[in-house]
Protein backbone atom coordinates (compact mmCIF):
# COMPACT_ATOMS: atom_id res chain seq x y z
CA UNK A 1 -33.02 20.46 45.42
CA UNK A 2 -32.18 21.08 41.84
CA UNK A 3 -33.20 20.04 38.99
CA UNK A 4 -30.91 19.78 35.44
CA UNK A 5 -32.30 21.23 32.48
CA UNK A 6 -32.67 17.68 31.17
CA UNK A 7 -35.46 16.56 33.31
CA UNK A 8 -37.20 20.24 32.37
CA UNK A 9 -36.49 20.06 28.59
CA UNK A 10 -39.16 17.91 27.46
CA UNK A 11 -41.84 19.77 29.23
CA UNK A 12 -40.43 22.84 27.58
CA UNK A 13 -40.18 21.70 24.31
CA UNK A 14 -43.68 20.48 24.57
CA UNK A 15 -44.83 23.86 25.86
CA UNK A 16 -43.00 25.62 22.78
CA UNK A 17 -44.67 23.07 20.52
CA UNK A 18 -48.27 24.06 21.61
CA UNK A 19 -47.13 27.57 21.42
CA UNK A 20 -46.40 27.10 18.00
CA UNK A 21 -49.49 25.50 16.95
CA UNK A 22 -51.69 28.07 19.05
CA UNK A 23 -49.45 30.93 16.52
CA UNK A 24 -50.22 28.19 13.69
CA UNK A 25 -53.98 28.03 14.68
CA UNK A 26 -54.09 31.85 14.25
CA UNK A 27 -52.51 32.41 11.23
CA UNK A 28 -54.64 29.99 9.36
CA UNK A 29 -57.95 30.26 11.58
CA UNK A 30 -60.26 32.01 8.92
CA UNK A 31 -62.81 34.16 10.67
CA UNK A 32 -63.68 37.90 10.25
CA UNK A 33 -62.55 39.08 13.39
CA UNK A 34 -65.07 37.67 15.82
CA UNK A 35 -63.60 35.00 16.89
CA UNK A 36 -62.45 35.35 20.57
CA UNK A 37 -59.51 32.79 20.07
CA UNK A 38 -58.14 34.14 17.11
CA UNK A 39 -58.67 37.48 17.18
CA UNK A 40 -54.86 37.99 18.44
CA UNK A 41 -51.80 35.45 18.69
CA UNK A 42 -51.55 35.89 22.40
CA UNK A 43 -54.63 34.32 22.87
CA UNK A 44 -54.06 31.56 20.68
CA UNK A 45 -50.57 31.09 21.61
CA UNK A 46 -51.56 30.97 25.32
CA UNK A 47 -54.18 28.40 24.80
CA UNK A 48 -51.70 26.31 22.46
CA UNK A 49 -49.14 26.85 25.35
CA UNK A 50 -51.82 25.47 27.98
CA UNK A 51 -52.48 22.56 26.04
CA UNK A 52 -48.82 21.46 25.46
CA UNK A 53 -48.30 21.72 29.15
CA UNK A 54 -51.16 19.88 29.74
CA UNK A 55 -50.07 17.01 27.37
CA UNK A 56 -46.56 16.52 28.84
CA UNK A 57 -47.65 16.51 32.35
CA UNK A 58 -50.69 13.99 31.54
CA UNK A 59 -47.90 12.31 29.46
CA UNK A 60 -46.03 12.01 32.54
CA UNK A 61 -48.27 10.85 34.64
CA UNK A 62 -49.38 8.16 32.81
CA UNK A 63 -45.80 6.85 32.05
CA UNK A 64 -45.52 7.05 36.02
CA UNK A 65 -48.27 4.99 36.53
CA UNK A 66 -47.80 2.18 34.02
CA UNK A 67 -44.42 1.85 35.43
CA UNK A 68 -45.45 1.45 38.87
CA UNK A 69 -47.98 -0.66 37.94
CA UNK A 70 -45.63 -3.23 35.85
CA UNK A 71 -43.24 -3.52 38.87
CA UNK A 72 -46.35 -4.81 40.75
CA UNK A 73 -46.80 -8.19 38.78
């Protein structure tokens, strides 16, 4: 079953926001190279993208749970 771009767009946007936040963390973190998360932009962006995807997935599950519970009333 093919899903349209409109159903995937919010997830992609949240991942891109997470990547941007990870890069911003890399640029603003002031440590002398001993911080594993801020040592390269790759790791901070990967963690940021993961958190963006996780946040979107949790938000989607919460909305589905709330909608399902509101239908039972």
